[in-house]
């Protein structure tokens, strides 16, 4: 499935004004400025190339309600102390990642993985309660 179709927009490094594709936070920050549908691929040394997509409407809603930016979510995937669990809502093609962003915020991120190697971000907000407690025990 091509996320650039119907409602998704592909951003190239040149559009985002980014040269170093290995710096996922920099790329994501450049895309945050545009507040548009996002599609980004990053390289990880310890896993395959992966990408992240987030629907424009949902992204704007998360920014407004929770003040969580795309680059924070992308950077949380690099947190070695983060942990993943199956989606508590029971969606088989989703999981939850609780991890710290590069900004230091510990986030609760719901991720769809039906289009691997693209992760579809469903929502993200500050981790609280037992989710945060478990993260603090892990780190």
N, C-alpha and C. Protein backbone atom coordinates (compact mmCIF):
# COMPACT_ATOMS: atom_id res chain seq x y z
N UNK A 1 0.84 -1.19 0.00
CA UNK A 1 0.00 0.00 0.00
C UNK A 1 0.88 1.24 0.00
N UNK A 2 0.54 2.20 -0.81
CA UNK A 2 1.31 3.44 -0.89
C UNK A 2 0.67 4.50 -0.02
N UNK A 3 1.32 4.90 1.09
CA UNK A 3 0.72 5.88 1.98
C UNK A 3 0.63 7.26 1.36
N UNK A 4 1.29 7.47 0.23
CA UNK A 4 1.23 8.79 -0.38
C UNK A 4 -0.09 9.02 -1.10
N UNK A 5 -0.85 7.97 -1.33
CA UNK A 5 -2.13 8.12 -2.01
C UNK A 5 -3.23 8.51 -1.05
N UNK A 6 -4.29 9.04 -1.56
CA UNK A 6 -5.51 9.45 -0.86
C UNK A 6 -5.29 9.89 0.59
N UNK A 7 -4.98 11.13 0.76
CA UNK A 7 -4.85 11.70 2.09
C UNK A 7 -3.45 11.71 2.67
N UNK A 8 -2.51 11.03 2.03
CA UNK A 8 -1.15 11.00 2.53
C UNK A 8 -0.26 11.76 1.57
N UNK A 9 0.71 12.44 2.09
CA UNK A 9 1.65 13.16 1.24
C UNK A 9 3.05 12.69 1.54
N UNK A 10 3.79 12.41 0.51
CA UNK A 10 5.20 12.05 0.66
C UNK A 10 6.04 13.32 0.78
N UNK A 11 6.93 13.35 1.72
CA UNK A 11 7.91 14.43 1.82
C UNK A 11 9.26 13.87 1.48
N UNK A 12 9.94 14.53 0.58
CA UNK A 12 11.30 14.12 0.27
C UNK A 12 12.25 14.93 1.15
N UNK A 13 13.48 14.47 1.24
CA UNK A 13 14.46 15.19 2.04
C UNK A 13 14.63 16.62 1.53
N UNK A 14 14.58 16.82 0.22
CA UNK A 14 14.78 18.16 -0.31
C UNK A 14 13.62 19.09 0.06
N UNK A 15 12.38 18.56 0.09
CA UNK A 15 11.24 19.38 0.49
C UNK A 15 11.35 19.79 1.96
N UNK A 16 11.84 18.87 2.77
CA UNK A 16 11.96 19.14 4.20
C UNK A 16 13.21 19.96 4.51
N UNK A 17 14.07 20.13 3.53
CA UNK A 17 15.29 20.90 3.73
C UNK A 17 16.31 20.14 4.54
N UNK A 18 16.32 18.82 4.42
CA UNK A 18 17.19 17.99 5.24
C UNK A 18 18.16 17.24 4.33
N UNK A 19 19.40 17.18 4.76
CA UNK A 19 20.41 16.49 3.97
C UNK A 19 20.72 15.12 4.56
N UNK A 20 20.82 15.00 5.86
CA UNK A 20 21.25 13.77 6.52
C UNK A 20 20.05 12.90 6.86
N UNK A 21 19.78 11.90 6.05
CA UNK A 21 18.63 11.03 6.26
C UNK A 21 18.80 10.16 7.51
N UNK A 22 20.01 10.05 8.04
CA UNK A 22 20.22 9.25 9.24
C UNK A 22 19.73 9.97 10.49
N UNK A 23 19.51 11.27 10.40
CA UNK A 23 19.08 12.05 11.55
C UNK A 23 17.55 12.18 11.53
N UNK A 24 16.87 11.15 12.03
CA UNK A 24 15.42 11.12 11.94
C UNK A 24 14.76 12.27 12.67
N UNK A 25 15.32 12.71 13.78
CA UNK A 25 14.72 13.81 14.53
C UNK A 25 14.75 15.09 13.71
N UNK A 26 15.86 15.36 13.03
CA UNK A 26 15.96 16.56 12.20
C UNK A 26 14.93 16.53 11.08
N UNK A 27 14.80 15.40 10.40
CA UNK A 27 13.83 15.29 9.33
C UNK A 27 12.42 15.52 9.87
N UNK A 28 12.11 14.86 10.97
CA UNK A 28 10.77 14.97 11.53
C UNK A 28 10.48 16.39 11.99
N UNK A 29 11.46 17.08 12.57
CA UNK A 29 11.24 18.46 12.99
C UNK A 29 10.92 19.33 11.79
N UNK A 30 11.61 19.12 10.69
CA UNK A 30 11.34 19.92 9.50
C UNK A 30 9.93 19.67 9.01
N UNK A 31 9.45 18.45 9.12
CA UNK A 31 8.10 18.13 8.69
C UNK A 31 7.08 18.71 9.65
N UNK A 32 7.37 18.72 10.95
CA UNK A 32 6.46 19.32 11.93
C UNK A 32 6.12 20.76 11.57
N UNK A 33 7.09 21.48 11.09
CA UNK A 33 6.88 22.88 10.73
C UNK A 33 5.76 23.00 9.70
N UNK A 34 5.68 22.03 8.79
CA UNK A 34 4.67 22.07 7.75
C UNK A 34 3.28 21.63 8.23
N UNK A 35 3.19 20.95 9.35
CA UNK A 35 1.94 20.43 9.89
C UNK A 35 1.06 19.80 8.81
N UNK A 36 1.66 18.96 8.02
CA UNK A 36 0.93 18.30 6.94
C UNK A 36 0.99 16.80 7.15
N UNK A 37 0.24 16.07 6.34
CA UNK A 37 0.35 14.61 6.40
C UNK A 37 1.81 14.25 6.25
N UNK A 38 2.22 13.26 7.00
CA UNK A 38 3.63 12.98 7.05
C UNK A 38 3.94 11.56 6.62
N UNK A 39 5.06 11.40 5.99
CA UNK A 39 5.61 10.11 5.62
C UNK A 39 7.12 10.27 5.69
N UNK A 40 7.75 9.45 6.48
CA UNK A 40 9.18 9.59 6.65
C UNK A 40 9.80 8.22 6.80
N UNK A 41 10.92 8.02 6.18
CA UNK A 41 11.66 6.78 6.36
C UNK A 41 12.95 7.12 7.09
N UNK A 42 13.31 6.30 8.01
CA UNK A 42 14.55 6.51 8.74
C UNK A 42 15.35 5.22 8.69
N UNK A 43 16.61 5.32 8.99
CA UNK A 43 17.46 4.14 9.01
C UNK A 43 17.86 3.84 10.45
N UNK A 44 17.78 2.61 10.81
CA UNK A 44 18.20 2.16 12.14
C UNK A 44 19.30 1.13 11.94
N UNK A 45 20.38 1.25 12.67
CA UNK A 45 21.46 0.29 12.54
C UNK A 45 21.05 -1.09 13.04
N UNK A 46 20.22 -1.15 14.07
CA UNK A 46 19.88 -2.42 14.69
C UNK A 46 18.61 -3.07 14.14
N UNK A 47 17.96 -2.44 13.17
CA UNK A 47 16.78 -3.04 12.55
C UNK A 47 16.67 -2.55 11.12
N UNK A 48 15.69 -3.10 10.43
CA UNK A 48 15.53 -2.72 9.02
C UNK A 48 15.16 -1.24 8.90
N UNK A 49 15.24 -0.74 7.68
CA UNK A 49 14.73 0.61 7.44
C UNK A 49 13.25 0.60 7.75
N UNK A 50 12.80 1.58 8.48
CA UNK A 50 11.39 1.67 8.83
C UNK A 50 10.89 3.06 8.50
N UNK A 51 9.61 3.18 8.37
CA UNK A 51 9.02 4.48 8.09
C UNK A 51 7.86 4.73 9.04
N UNK A 52 7.45 5.96 9.10
CA UNK A 52 6.35 6.36 9.97
C UNK A 52 5.36 7.18 9.17
N UNK A 53 4.09 6.92 9.35
CA UNK A 53 3.04 7.71 8.70
C UNK A 53 2.03 8.13 9.76
N UNK A 54 1.48 9.32 9.57
CA UNK A 54 0.48 9.83 10.50
C UNK A 54 -0.52 10.65 9.71
N UNK A 55 -1.77 10.29 9.78
CA UNK A 55 -2.83 11.00 9.10
C UNK A 55 -2.85 12.46 9.56
N UNK A 56 -2.99 13.38 8.61
CA UNK A 56 -2.95 14.81 8.90
C UNK A 56 -3.98 15.22 9.95
N UNK A 57 -5.21 14.79 9.77
CA UNK A 57 -6.28 15.18 10.71
C UNK A 57 -5.97 14.67 12.13
N UNK A 58 -5.57 13.41 12.22
CA UNK A 58 -5.24 12.84 13.53
C UNK A 58 -4.03 13.53 14.15
N UNK A 59 -3.04 13.83 13.30
CA UNK A 59 -1.84 14.50 13.80
C UNK A 59 -2.18 15.86 14.39
N UNK A 60 -2.95 16.64 13.68
CA UNK A 60 -3.33 17.97 14.18
C UNK A 60 -4.12 17.87 15.48
N UNK A 61 -4.95 16.85 15.57
CA UNK A 61 -5.73 16.64 16.80
C UNK A 61 -4.82 16.32 17.98
N UNK A 62 -3.82 15.48 17.77
CA UNK A 62 -2.88 15.13 18.84
C UNK A 62 -2.05 16.34 19.24
N UNK A 63 -1.62 17.12 18.27
CA UNK A 63 -0.86 18.34 18.59
C UNK A 63 -1.72 19.27 19.45
N UNK A 64 -2.95 19.44 19.07
CA UNK A 64 -3.85 20.35 19.79
C UNK A 64 -4.18 19.84 21.20
N UNK A 65 -4.51 18.55 21.31
CA UNK A 65 -4.92 18.00 22.60
C UNK A 65 -3.77 17.68 23.55
N UNK A 66 -2.67 17.16 22.98
CA UNK A 66 -1.59 16.63 23.82
C UNK A 66 -0.25 17.31 23.60
N UNK A 67 -0.16 18.21 22.63
CA UNK A 67 1.07 18.92 22.33
C UNK A 67 2.25 17.97 22.06
N UNK A 68 1.96 16.86 21.39
CA UNK A 68 2.99 15.90 21.01
C UNK A 68 3.30 16.11 19.53
N UNK A 69 4.57 16.29 19.22
CA UNK A 69 5.00 16.53 17.85
C UNK A 69 5.57 15.26 17.21
N UNK A 70 5.54 15.24 15.90
CA UNK A 70 5.98 14.07 15.15
C UNK A 70 7.41 13.67 15.49
N UNK A 71 8.31 14.64 15.56
CA UNK A 71 9.71 14.30 15.84
C UNK A 71 9.87 13.65 17.20
N UNK A 72 9.00 13.98 18.16
CA UNK A 72 9.07 13.33 19.47
C UNK A 72 8.71 11.85 19.34
N UNK A 73 7.66 11.56 18.60
CA UNK A 73 7.23 10.17 18.42
C UNK A 73 8.31 9.37 17.71
N UNK A 74 8.86 9.91 16.63
CA UNK A 74 9.91 9.21 15.88
C UNK A 74 11.11 8.94 16.79
N UNK A 75 11.51 9.93 17.56
CA UNK A 75 12.69 9.75 18.42
C UNK A 75 12.45 8.73 19.52
N UNK A 76 11.21 8.54 19.95
CA UNK A 76 10.91 7.57 21.01
C UNK A 76 11.23 6.14 20.58
N UNK A 77 11.19 5.87 19.28
CA UNK A 77 11.52 4.53 18.80
C UNK A 77 12.99 4.19 19.02
N UNK A 78 13.82 5.17 19.33
CA UNK A 78 15.24 4.94 19.61
C UNK A 78 15.53 4.71 21.09
N UNK A 79 14.52 4.84 21.93
CA UNK A 79 14.73 4.70 23.37
C UNK A 79 14.96 3.23 23.74
N UNK A 80 16.16 2.92 24.16
CA UNK A 80 16.50 1.53 24.51
C UNK A 80 15.78 1.05 25.77
N UNK A 81 15.22 1.96 26.55
CA UNK A 81 14.49 1.57 27.76
C UNK A 81 12.99 1.47 27.52
N UNK A 82 12.55 1.84 26.34
CA UNK A 82 11.13 1.77 26.02
C UNK A 82 10.66 0.32 25.96
N UNK A 83 9.35 0.13 26.07
CA UNK A 83 8.80 -1.22 25.97
C UNK A 83 7.53 -1.21 25.14
N UNK A 84 7.27 -2.37 24.53
CA UNK A 84 6.10 -2.55 23.69
C UNK A 84 5.19 -3.60 24.31
N UNK A 85 3.88 -3.37 24.18
CA UNK A 85 2.87 -4.34 24.60
C UNK A 85 1.79 -4.38 23.53
N UNK A 86 1.03 -5.48 23.47
CA UNK A 86 -0.10 -5.51 22.54
C UNK A 86 -1.08 -4.39 22.88
N UNK A 87 -1.82 -3.94 21.88
CA UNK A 87 -2.81 -2.88 22.07
C UNK A 87 -3.84 -3.30 23.11
N UNK A 88 -3.99 -2.54 24.20
CA UNK A 88 -4.97 -2.89 25.23
C UNK A 88 -6.42 -2.89 24.72
N UNK A 89 -6.67 -2.18 23.62
CA UNK A 89 -8.01 -2.15 23.04
C UNK A 89 -8.30 -3.41 22.22
N UNK A 90 -7.28 -4.25 22.04
CA UNK A 90 -7.47 -5.53 21.38
C UNK A 90 -7.30 -5.54 19.87
N UNK A 91 -6.85 -4.46 19.28
CA UNK A 91 -6.60 -4.45 17.83
C UNK A 91 -5.37 -5.31 17.55
N UNK A 92 -5.55 -6.35 16.76
CA UNK A 92 -4.46 -7.29 16.51
C UNK A 92 -3.31 -6.70 15.71
N UNK A 93 -3.59 -5.69 14.91
CA UNK A 93 -2.55 -5.10 14.06
C UNK A 93 -1.93 -3.85 14.68
N UNK A 94 -2.10 -3.69 15.99
CA UNK A 94 -1.55 -2.52 16.68
C UNK A 94 -0.78 -2.94 17.93
N UNK A 95 0.13 -2.07 18.35
CA UNK A 95 0.82 -2.25 19.62
C UNK A 95 1.00 -0.89 20.27
N UNK A 96 1.37 -0.91 21.53
CA UNK A 96 1.65 0.31 22.28
C UNK A 96 3.14 0.34 22.57
N UNK A 97 3.75 1.49 22.33
CA UNK A 97 5.14 1.73 22.70
C UNK A 97 5.13 2.79 23.79
N UNK A 98 5.75 2.48 24.91
CA UNK A 98 5.95 3.47 25.97
C UNK A 98 7.45 3.73 26.00
N UNK A 99 7.82 4.96 25.66
CA UNK A 99 9.25 5.28 25.53
C UNK A 99 9.46 6.77 25.66
N UNK A 100 10.70 7.14 25.96
CA UNK A 100 11.05 8.56 26.09
C UNK A 100 11.45 9.12 24.74
N UNK A 101 10.93 10.30 24.45
CA UNK A 101 11.32 11.04 23.26
C UNK A 101 12.67 11.71 23.51
N UNK A 102 13.28 12.20 22.47
CA UNK A 102 14.54 12.93 22.62
C UNK A 102 14.37 14.16 23.49
N UNK A 103 13.16 14.66 23.59
CA UNK A 103 12.87 15.82 24.43
C UNK A 103 12.79 15.47 25.91
N UNK A 104 12.77 14.15 26.22
CA UNK A 104 12.70 13.71 27.61
C UNK A 104 11.31 13.30 28.05
N UNK A 105 10.29 13.63 27.30
CA UNK A 105 8.92 13.22 27.62
C UNK A 105 8.77 11.72 27.44
N UNK A 106 8.10 11.07 28.38
CA UNK A 106 7.79 9.66 28.22
C UNK A 106 6.40 9.59 27.59
N UNK A 107 6.34 8.96 26.43
CA UNK A 107 5.10 8.94 25.65
C UNK A 107 4.46 7.57 25.61
N UNK A 108 3.15 7.56 25.51
CA UNK A 108 2.33 6.39 25.26
C UNK A 108 1.92 6.52 23.79
N UNK A 109 2.40 5.63 22.94
CA UNK A 109 2.20 5.74 21.50
C UNK A 109 1.48 4.49 20.99
N UNK A 110 0.36 4.69 20.33
CA UNK A 110 -0.35 3.57 19.71
C UNK A 110 0.06 3.52 18.24
N UNK A 111 0.50 2.34 17.83
CA UNK A 111 1.10 2.18 16.50
C UNK A 111 0.41 1.03 15.76
N UNK A 112 0.06 1.30 14.50
CA UNK A 112 -0.45 0.24 13.63
C UNK A 112 0.69 -0.30 12.80
N UNK A 113 0.71 -1.62 12.62
CA UNK A 113 1.80 -2.22 11.86
C UNK A 113 1.31 -3.05 10.69
N UNK A 114 0.13 -2.72 10.19
CA UNK A 114 -0.42 -3.50 9.08
C UNK A 114 0.32 -3.29 7.77
N UNK A 115 1.07 -2.20 7.66
CA UNK A 115 1.77 -1.89 6.41
C UNK A 115 3.28 -1.90 6.58
N UNK A 116 3.81 -2.83 7.40
CA UNK A 116 5.25 -2.89 7.61
C UNK A 116 5.99 -2.93 6.29
N UNK A 117 7.10 -2.23 6.15
CA UNK A 117 7.91 -1.60 7.19
C UNK A 117 7.48 -0.18 7.55
N UNK A 118 6.25 0.19 7.26
CA UNK A 118 5.74 1.49 7.68
C UNK A 118 4.93 1.32 8.95
N UNK A 119 5.26 2.11 9.96
CA UNK A 119 4.46 2.15 11.18
C UNK A 119 3.48 3.31 11.05
N UNK A 120 2.21 3.02 11.24
CA UNK A 120 1.19 4.05 11.19
C UNK A 120 0.93 4.52 12.63
N UNK A 121 1.22 5.79 12.90
CA UNK A 121 0.98 6.34 14.24
C UNK A 121 -0.51 6.61 14.36
N UNK A 122 -1.11 6.05 15.40
CA UNK A 122 -2.54 6.24 15.64
C UNK A 122 -2.76 7.43 16.56
N UNK A 123 -2.04 7.43 17.69
CA UNK A 123 -2.11 8.54 18.64
C UNK A 123 -0.89 8.51 19.54
N UNK A 124 -0.68 9.58 20.26
CA UNK A 124 0.44 9.66 21.20
C UNK A 124 0.11 10.72 22.25
N UNK A 125 0.48 10.43 23.48
CA UNK A 125 0.28 11.38 24.57
C UNK A 125 1.23 11.02 25.71
N UNK A 126 1.31 11.88 26.72
CA UNK A 126 2.21 11.61 27.85
C UNK A 126 1.77 10.36 28.59
N UNK A 127 2.73 9.47 28.86
CA UNK A 127 2.44 8.26 29.63
C UNK A 127 2.16 8.64 31.07
N UNK A 128 1.18 7.96 31.66
CA UNK A 128 0.80 8.23 33.05
C UNK A 128 0.54 6.92 33.78
N UNK A 129 0.36 7.02 35.08
CA UNK A 129 -0.06 5.88 35.89
C UNK A 129 0.85 4.68 35.78
N UNK A 130 0.23 3.50 35.64
CA UNK A 130 1.00 2.26 35.61
C UNK A 130 1.91 2.17 34.39
N UNK A 131 1.53 2.85 33.27
CA UNK A 131 2.38 2.85 32.09
C UNK A 131 3.70 3.56 32.39
N UNK A 132 3.63 4.69 33.05
CA UNK A 132 4.83 5.45 33.41
C UNK A 132 5.61 4.70 34.49
N UNK A 133 4.92 4.13 35.45
CA UNK A 133 5.59 3.35 36.51
C UNK A 133 6.41 2.22 35.91
N UNK A 134 5.81 1.49 34.97
CA UNK A 134 6.52 0.37 34.32
C UNK A 134 7.74 0.87 33.55
N UNK A 135 7.60 1.99 32.87
CA UNK A 135 8.74 2.56 32.13
C UNK A 135 9.87 2.89 33.11
N UNK A 136 9.53 3.53 34.21
CA UNK A 136 10.56 3.93 35.18
C UNK A 136 11.26 2.71 35.77
N UNK A 137 10.54 1.58 35.92
CA UNK A 137 11.17 0.36 36.40
C UNK A 137 12.13 -0.21 35.35
N UNK A 138 11.78 -0.06 34.07
CA UNK A 138 12.60 -0.58 32.98
C UNK A 138 13.90 0.22 32.82
N UNK A 139 13.87 1.51 33.15
CA UNK A 139 15.04 2.35 32.88
C UNK A 139 15.93 2.55 34.06
